[in-house]
Structure formats: structure tokens, C-alpha cells
């Protein structure tokens, strides 16, 4: 390929990404004019329009979208490889970008992340807390922390967190007004608080006892999409709630919430760190995994002692 053509493609990708010639030029450290001329030249070479322009907006045409579909992963992979090459040295410098959900951040990732940056201030760290799906390759994250069931097939994953457990809880005041469920299907007779995931679905209530697994579809009277709100609704007596034991632990400890169906709530594998199989782990990444495992061990010790 003509070196100029590759440069033109990179500039086109940046313009389409920013949806603005001005913003693209600013990110590239040049003026708007050469950026606009480059895209115009590329369209002339290809003899097809790649961007639809108006006085207020700029967006890719169908041809532009097709080209972007090919360019985006290639450019992301090149950028990632350059990052890796820059970090092939003994000291753990460079950048480390991590993505995870809120619960993972609070219980595992942030303690490990903050310890790493305190010990190695030369590392440029970024932590993004998002409960929804994140394409770590396209978004250029070095590592994500999620449940094993949420991982893509082409990801390398390693367990980093302690086992977890989901529980059904209710406020003493609510439980005083009704019969407590003895088996999962008894939940049908109760007011329940649903949790809506980032994907828009209601989180299922899954149980297991003596090798028998059962999933109950409850009809919630209240629905929330935040863990703290879920605990708050249960504490307020709005009904029974299904959540990770860690969220309910302080309320269970002092009696503000009561666990039910405990014999139907076994532990399951905890969080996994995952990264693209096409990337070589950096020194900073390896040190981060070590900190994650350290935090997990500490949480296990604390739980066993408590």
C-alpha cells in the first residue's frame, strides 16, 4: 500500500470517530484545512463519498461505515501493539486501562488498582466503571474484570476473585406480615424487587440445592438498576430482593435485613480478569493481577475469620 494512502485512511478514521473535522484536527495537532483536504483526496482516489456533510453534522455514508468496520479493529490492534512495545522493559511504566462493573470495582478492583498506582506512580492508570458490555479491544482497554459467564469466547481469562454468593433478603417488618418462603417457587406469593441489568433485562433469580438447579421468574412490584437502590428498597420493606451477599452483608450483620432460602444459595465462581488473546500481557498488567489476587486472599481470610 502507498504510505500516503494508509495515512489518509487513519485521518479518515479519526474524523469519522470524532464526527467533526475540527475535533479530529485538534486531536491530531494540526489545522482543519489539511484534514478536510485529506478526506477529500481519499474520496477522490476511491471515487466514492465516505462522509455525509451538512452545516450541523457529519456522519459516515454506507460506504464509509463499511470501510470503518474494517479499519477500526486494525487501528485498535496497531495502537495496542505499540503500547505493548513501549512497555517491553523491566520497569512497569506505560498505561494501564481497566474496565469493570460497580460491584467488582468496590470489592476487588479499586483496592488492587489503587495499591498498584501507589507503588508504581510511573504507571498511567485509568479505571472505567460500567455495568454494561464493553468491547475491550475496540475501546482499547488492557484488561476487564467480569463474571466468567459474561466473557467472550476469544478472551483469555484468569480467576482473580473469591467465590461469590447470591442471597434473597427481606426486611423484618415485611417478613412479619407473611409466611417466609421455604422453597424458591414460594416466591410467587411475595412482593419482589427486580434488578434491571445494563442490557435491559431483569436479572434472573437462580437457586441450587443438592445438585438441583432452579431459576424463578418473579413478577416484581418494584424494579431498580443500581445495587445500592436494591438494598435500599429491601430495607424499606418494599419486598424481597435477590442480590450478591456482599451488598447485603452490613444489613444482615445488624439485623436490618434477614436472609431466607439460605440452603438454596451456594457459592459460585467469582470474578475473572480477561484480556484479548491477541495481546501480550505487559509488566503493569501482570502486577495488577498480583494485586487483584492479593485483595481476594485478604477478603477470604476476613470472611473465614468473621
Protein backbone atom coordinates (compact mmCIF):
# COMPACT_ATOMS: atom_id res chain seq x y z
CA UNK A 1 0.00 0.00 0.00
CA UNK A 2 1.12 3.53 -0.74
CA UNK A 3 2.24 5.02 2.62
CA UNK A 4 0.22 8.15 1.88
CA UNK A 5 -2.93 6.06 1.44
CA UNK A 6 -2.51 4.49 4.87
CA UNK A 7 -2.07 7.95 6.41
CA UNK A 8 -5.22 9.13 4.64
CA UNK A 9 -7.18 6.15 6.00
CA UNK A 10 -6.04 6.89 9.56
CA UNK A 11 -7.12 10.52 9.24
CA UNK A 12 -10.49 9.50 7.78
CA UNK A 13 -10.96 7.11 10.73
CA UNK A 14 -10.23 9.90 13.20
CA UNK A 15 -12.69 12.28 11.51
CA UNK A 16 -15.43 9.62 11.49
CA UNK A 17 -14.69 8.77 15.12
CA UNK A 18 -14.89 12.41 16.23
CA UNK A 19 -17.80 13.24 13.87
CA UNK A 20 -16.03 16.54 13.24
CA UNK A 21 -13.17 17.85 11.11
CA UNK A 22 -12.34 20.41 13.79
CA UNK A 23 -12.23 17.89 16.62
CA UNK A 24 -10.20 15.45 14.53
CA UNK A 25 -7.71 18.15 13.59
CA UNK A 26 -7.38 19.21 17.24
CA UNK A 27 -6.68 15.62 18.34
CA UNK A 28 -4.06 15.27 15.61
CA UNK A 29 -2.41 18.60 16.45
CA UNK A 30 -2.99 20.17 13.02
CA UNK A 31 -5.33 22.70 11.47
CA UNK A 32 -8.70 21.76 9.99
CA UNK A 33 -7.79 22.53 6.38
CA UNK A 34 -5.29 19.69 5.73
CA UNK A 35 -7.62 17.20 7.45
CA UNK A 36 -10.52 18.21 5.21
CA UNK A 37 -8.29 18.10 2.13
CA UNK A 38 -7.02 14.62 3.06
CA UNK A 39 -10.52 13.17 3.32
CA UNK A 40 -11.50 14.84 0.05
CA UNK A 41 -8.41 13.36 -1.62
CA UNK A 42 -9.20 9.89 -0.26
CA UNK A 43 -12.75 10.11 -1.59
CA UNK A 44 -11.35 11.17 -4.95
CA UNK A 45 -8.92 8.26 -5.04
CA UNK A 46 -11.66 5.79 -4.18
CA UNK A 47 -14.21 7.59 -6.36
CA UNK A 48 -16.88 7.28 -3.69
CA UNK A 49 -18.20 9.54 -0.95
CA UNK A 50 -17.26 8.37 2.56
CA UNK A 51 -18.75 11.14 4.70
CA UNK A 52 -22.11 12.86 4.57
CA UNK A 53 -21.66 16.53 5.46
CA UNK A 54 -24.10 19.23 6.47
CA UNK A 55 -23.77 22.55 8.25
CA UNK A 56 -24.62 20.89 11.57
CA UNK A 57 -23.48 17.29 11.35
CA UNK A 58 -21.07 14.85 9.81
CA UNK A 59 -21.60 11.10 9.56
CA UNK A 60 -20.27 8.17 7.52
CA UNK A 61 -22.10 7.11 4.39
CA UNK A 62 -22.89 3.43 3.83
CA UNK A 63 -19.51 3.07 2.09
CA UNK A 64 -17.83 4.94 4.92
CA UNK A 65 -19.42 2.65 7.50
CA UNK A 66 -18.19 -0.38 5.59
CA UNK A 67 -14.66 0.99 5.48
CA UNK A 68 -14.77 1.88 9.18
CA UNK A 69 -15.87 -1.67 10.02
CA UNK A 70 -12.59 -2.88 8.54
CA UNK A 71 -10.37 -0.05 9.76
CA UNK A 72 -11.43 0.20 13.42
CA UNK A 73 -10.16 -3.18 14.68
CA UNK A 74 -6.96 -2.87 12.62
CA UNK A 75 -6.12 0.57 14.01
CA UNK A 76 -7.05 -0.53 17.54
CA UNK A 77 -4.76 -3.53 17.24
CA UNK A 78 -1.86 -1.44 15.92
CA UNK A 79 -2.29 1.09 18.74
CA UNK A 80 -2.40 -1.72 21.30
CA UNK A 81 0.73 -3.34 19.87
CA UNK A 82 2.59 -0.01 20.04
CA UNK A 83 1.52 0.32 23.68
CA UNK A 84 2.84 -3.18 24.35
CA UNK A 85 6.17 -2.47 22.62
CA UNK A 86 6.63 0.67 24.68
CA UNK A 87 6.27 -1.39 27.84
CA UNK A 88 8.72 -4.19 26.99
CA UNK A 89 11.16 -3.20 29.67
CA UNK A 90 11.84 -4.15 33.27
CA UNK A 91 10.13 -1.22 34.94
CA UNK A 92 6.28 -1.32 34.84
CA UNK A 93 5.72 2.04 33.17
CA UNK A 94 3.23 2.96 30.47
CA UNK A 95 -0.53 2.98 30.64
CA UNK A 96 -2.97 0.53 32.20
CA UNK A 97 -6.68 0.86 31.32
CA UNK A 98 -9.13 -1.28 33.28
CA UNK A 99 -12.90 -1.75 32.93
CA UNK A 100 -15.26 -3.44 35.37
CA UNK A 101 -18.71 -3.24 36.94
CA UNK A 102 -19.61 -1.34 40.09
CA UNK A 103 -19.58 -4.28 42.50
CA UNK A 104 -16.26 -5.56 41.18
CA UNK A 105 -14.81 -2.05 41.48
CA UNK A 106 -15.93 -1.62 45.10
CA UNK A 107 -14.92 -5.03 46.38
CA UNK A 108 -11.88 -6.03 44.33
CA UNK A 109 -10.64 -3.80 41.53
CA UNK A 110 -10.27 -0.42 43.21
CA UNK A 111 -8.26 -1.74 46.19
CA UNK A 112 -5.91 -3.54 43.78
CA UNK A 113 -5.76 -0.64 41.30
CA UNK A 114 -5.01 1.99 43.95
CA UNK A 115 -2.28 -0.14 45.54
CA UNK A 116 -0.61 -0.65 42.17
CA UNK A 117 -0.55 3.05 41.33
CA UNK A 118 0.68 3.95 44.82
CA UNK A 119 3.58 1.51 44.47
CA UNK A 120 4.33 2.45 40.84
CA UNK A 121 3.46 6.12 40.17
CA UNK A 122 5.14 5.83 36.77
CA UNK A 123 2.11 3.84 35.57
CA UNK A 124 -0.65 5.93 33.98
CA UNK A 125 -3.84 4.29 35.24
CA UNK A 126 -7.44 4.60 34.09
CA UNK A 127 -10.37 2.79 35.68
CA UNK A 128 -13.74 2.79 33.90
CA UNK A 129 -16.72 1.54 35.93
CA UNK A 130 -19.56 0.41 33.64
CA UNK A 131 -22.06 -2.37 34.29
CA UNK A 132 -22.87 -2.85 30.61
CA UNK A 133 -20.99 -4.81 27.97
CA UNK A 134 -17.65 -3.30 26.96
CA UNK A 135 -15.65 -4.39 23.90
CA UNK A 136 -12.19 -4.13 25.43
CA UNK A 137 -10.44 -4.47 22.06
CA UNK A 138 -12.40 -1.71 20.33
CA UNK A 139 -12.29 0.53 23.42
CA UNK A 140 -8.56 -0.17 23.91
CA UNK A 141 -8.74 -1.48 27.47
CA UNK A 142 -5.86 -3.62 28.67
CA UNK A 143 -7.98 -5.74 30.98
CA UNK A 144 -11.56 -6.18 32.12
CA UNK A 145 -12.94 -7.80 35.27
CA UNK A 146 -16.26 -9.60 34.91
CA UNK A 147 -18.09 -12.79 35.82
CA UNK A 148 -16.92 -15.80 33.83
CA UNK A 149 -20.30 -16.27 32.14
CA UNK A 150 -20.11 -12.74 30.68
CA UNK A 151 -16.86 -13.27 28.77
CA UNK A 152 -16.34 -13.51 25.02
CA UNK A 153 -15.02 -16.80 23.63
CA UNK A 154 -11.82 -15.26 22.20
CA UNK A 155 -10.75 -13.77 25.52
CA UNK A 156 -8.06 -15.13 27.81
CA UNK A 157 -9.45 -15.21 31.36
CA UNK A 158 -7.95 -15.96 34.75
CA UNK A 159 -9.80 -16.21 38.09
CA UNK A 160 -8.90 -13.34 40.41
CA UNK A 161 -11.70 -13.00 42.96
CA UNK A 162 -13.03 -15.05 45.86
CA UNK A 163 -16.19 -17.13 45.45
CA UNK A 164 -19.44 -15.17 45.50
CA UNK A 165 -22.93 -15.96 46.69
CA UNK A 166 -26.37 -14.53 45.86
CA UNK A 167 -28.99 -14.32 48.58
CA UNK A 168 -32.67 -13.49 48.99
CA UNK A 169 -33.28 -10.94 51.72
CA UNK A 170 -36.17 -9.05 53.23
CA UNK A 171 -36.77 -6.53 55.99
CA UNK A 172 -38.00 -7.89 59.33
CA UNK A 173 -41.08 -5.69 59.06
CA UNK A 174 -42.01 -7.16 55.68
CA UNK A 175 -41.38 -10.76 56.77
CA UNK A 176 -43.58 -10.25 59.83
CA UNK A 177 -46.58 -9.76 57.55
CA UNK A 178 -46.31 -13.02 55.61
CA UNK A 179 -45.12 -16.61 55.60
CA UNK A 180 -41.46 -16.98 54.73
CA UNK A 181 -40.69 -18.87 51.53
CA UNK A 182 -39.36 -22.39 52.15
CA UNK A 183 -38.61 -23.27 48.53
CA UNK A 184 -37.92 -20.96 45.55
CA UNK A 185 -41.36 -21.38 43.97
CA UNK A 186 -42.94 -19.88 47.12
CA UNK A 187 -41.58 -16.53 45.91
CA UNK A 188 -44.54 -16.29 43.55
CA UNK A 189 -46.71 -15.32 46.52
CA UNK A 190 -44.48 -12.42 47.56
CA UNK A 191 -43.79 -8.87 46.54
CA UNK A 192 -40.37 -8.89 44.90
CA UNK A 193 -37.88 -6.22 43.91
CA UNK A 194 -36.40 -6.71 40.45
CA UNK A 195 -32.99 -5.65 39.19
CA UNK A 196 -32.70 -4.47 35.60
CA UNK A 197 -29.31 -5.13 34.05
CA UNK A 198 -27.42 -2.73 31.81
CA UNK A 199 -28.65 -4.81 28.87
CA UNK A 200 -32.26 -4.00 29.77
CA UNK A 201 -33.28 -7.45 31.02
CA UNK A 202 -34.41 -8.40 34.50
CA UNK A 203 -31.79 -10.36 36.42
CA UNK A 204 -32.97 -13.98 36.98
CA UNK A 205 -33.26 -15.47 40.46
CA UNK A 206 -31.21 -18.68 40.36
CA UNK A 207 -31.02 -21.32 43.08
CA UNK A 208 -29.40 -24.69 43.68
CA UNK A 209 -29.75 -27.40 46.33
CA UNK A 210 -28.46 -30.98 46.39
CA UNK A 211 -27.48 -30.75 42.73
CA UNK A 212 -30.90 -29.46 41.67
CA UNK A 213 -30.82 -26.07 39.94
CA UNK A 214 -33.90 -23.88 39.70
CA UNK A 215 -34.49 -20.45 38.18
CA UNK A 216 -37.54 -18.49 39.27
CA UNK A 217 -39.12 -15.76 37.16
CA UNK A 218 -40.59 -13.34 39.66
CA UNK A 219 -43.04 -10.58 38.80
CA UNK A 220 -41.51 -7.57 40.53
CA UNK A 221 -43.58 -4.85 42.09
CA UNK A 222 -40.54 -2.57 42.09
CA UNK A 223 -37.62 -2.51 39.63
CA UNK A 224 -34.25 -0.77 40.11
CA UNK A 225 -30.98 -0.77 38.17
CA UNK A 226 -28.49 0.01 40.93
CA UNK A 227 -27.15 -2.21 43.72
CA UNK A 228 -27.45 0.45 46.42
CA UNK A 229 -31.05 1.14 45.39
CA UNK A 230 -31.76 -2.60 45.52
CA UNK A 231 -30.53 -2.81 49.11
CA UNK A 232 -32.42 0.37 50.00
CA UNK A 233 -35.71 -0.92 48.59
CA UNK A 234 -35.39 -4.16 50.54
CA UNK A 235 -34.53 -2.28 53.73
CA UNK A 236 -37.57 -0.07 53.21
CA UNK A 237 -39.79 -3.17 53.25
CA UNK A 238 -40.84 -2.98 49.60
CA UNK A 239 -40.48 -6.73 49.21
CA UNK A 240 -37.92 -9.49 48.85
CA UNK A 241 -34.72 -8.83 46.90
CA UNK A 242 -32.14 -11.07 45.25
CA UNK A 243 -28.58 -9.73 45.38
CA UNK A 244 -24.93 -10.51 45.93
CA UNK A 245 -24.28 -11.31 49.58
CA UNK A 246 -21.58 -8.62 49.74
CA UNK A 247 -24.18 -5.89 49.11
CA UNK A 248 -26.44 -7.13 51.90
CA UNK A 249 -23.70 -8.07 54.41
CA UNK A 250 -23.75 -4.89 56.59
CA UNK A 251 -27.55 -5.03 56.80
CA UNK A 252 -27.58 -8.75 57.59
CA UNK A 253 -24.95 -8.26 60.29
CA UNK A 254 -27.06 -5.83 62.32
CA UNK A 255 -30.46 -7.35 61.57
CA UNK A 256 -31.81 -4.67 59.26
CA UNK A 257 -32.24 -7.41 56.65
CA UNK A 258 -32.88 -11.13 57.07
CA UNK A 259 -31.70 -13.85 54.70
CA UNK A 260 -34.16 -16.51 53.55
CA UNK A 261 -33.74 -19.64 51.41
CA UNK A 262 -30.14 -19.80 52.59
CA UNK A 263 -29.92 -23.55 51.89
CA UNK A 264 -30.73 -22.78 48.23
CA UNK A 265 -27.88 -20.26 47.85
CA UNK A 266 -24.49 -21.96 47.34
CA UNK A 267 -21.28 -20.18 46.36
CA UNK A 268 -20.28 -19.81 42.72
CA UNK A 269 -17.01 -18.80 40.98
CA UNK A 270 -16.11 -15.15 41.44
CA UNK A 271 -14.66 -12.55 39.13
CA UNK A 272 -12.24 -13.23 36.28
CA UNK A 273 -9.75 -10.85 34.68
CA UNK A 274 -9.83 -11.09 30.91
CA UNK A 275 -7.86 -9.71 28.00
CA UNK A 276 -7.53 -10.21 24.27
CA UNK A 277 -5.77 -13.37 23.17
CA UNK A 278 -4.00 -11.24 20.55
CA UNK A 279 -2.21 -9.12 23.13
CA UNK A 280 0.88 -9.91 25.14
CA UNK A 281 0.45 -9.11 28.85
CA UNK A 282 2.55 -6.14 29.94
CA UNK A 283 4.50 -5.84 33.17
CA UNK A 284 1.92 -3.42 34.56
CA UNK A 285 -0.84 -5.90 33.70
CA UNK A 286 0.99 -8.73 35.49
CA UNK A 287 1.48 -6.61 38.60
CA UNK A 288 -2.20 -5.65 38.55
CA UNK A 289 -3.21 -9.33 38.51
CA UNK A 290 -0.97 -9.92 41.50
CA UNK A 291 -2.71 -7.12 43.41
CA UNK A 292 -6.14 -8.50 42.47
CA UNK A 293 -5.23 -11.91 43.85
CA UNK A 294 -3.82 -10.33 46.99
CA UNK A 295 -7.08 -8.48 47.66
CA UNK A 296 -9.03 -11.70 47.00
CA UNK A 297 -6.91 -13.60 49.55
CA UNK A 298 -7.45 -10.88 52.13
CA UNK A 299 -11.21 -10.99 51.60
CA UNK A 300 -11.19 -14.78 52.01
CA UNK A 301 -9.24 -14.53 55.27
CA UNK A 302 -11.58 -11.84 56.58
CA UNK A 303 -14.64 -13.89 55.69
CA UNK A 304 -13.29 -17.03 57.35
CA UNK A 305 -12.35 -15.07 60.46
CA UNK A 306 -15.79 -13.47 60.61
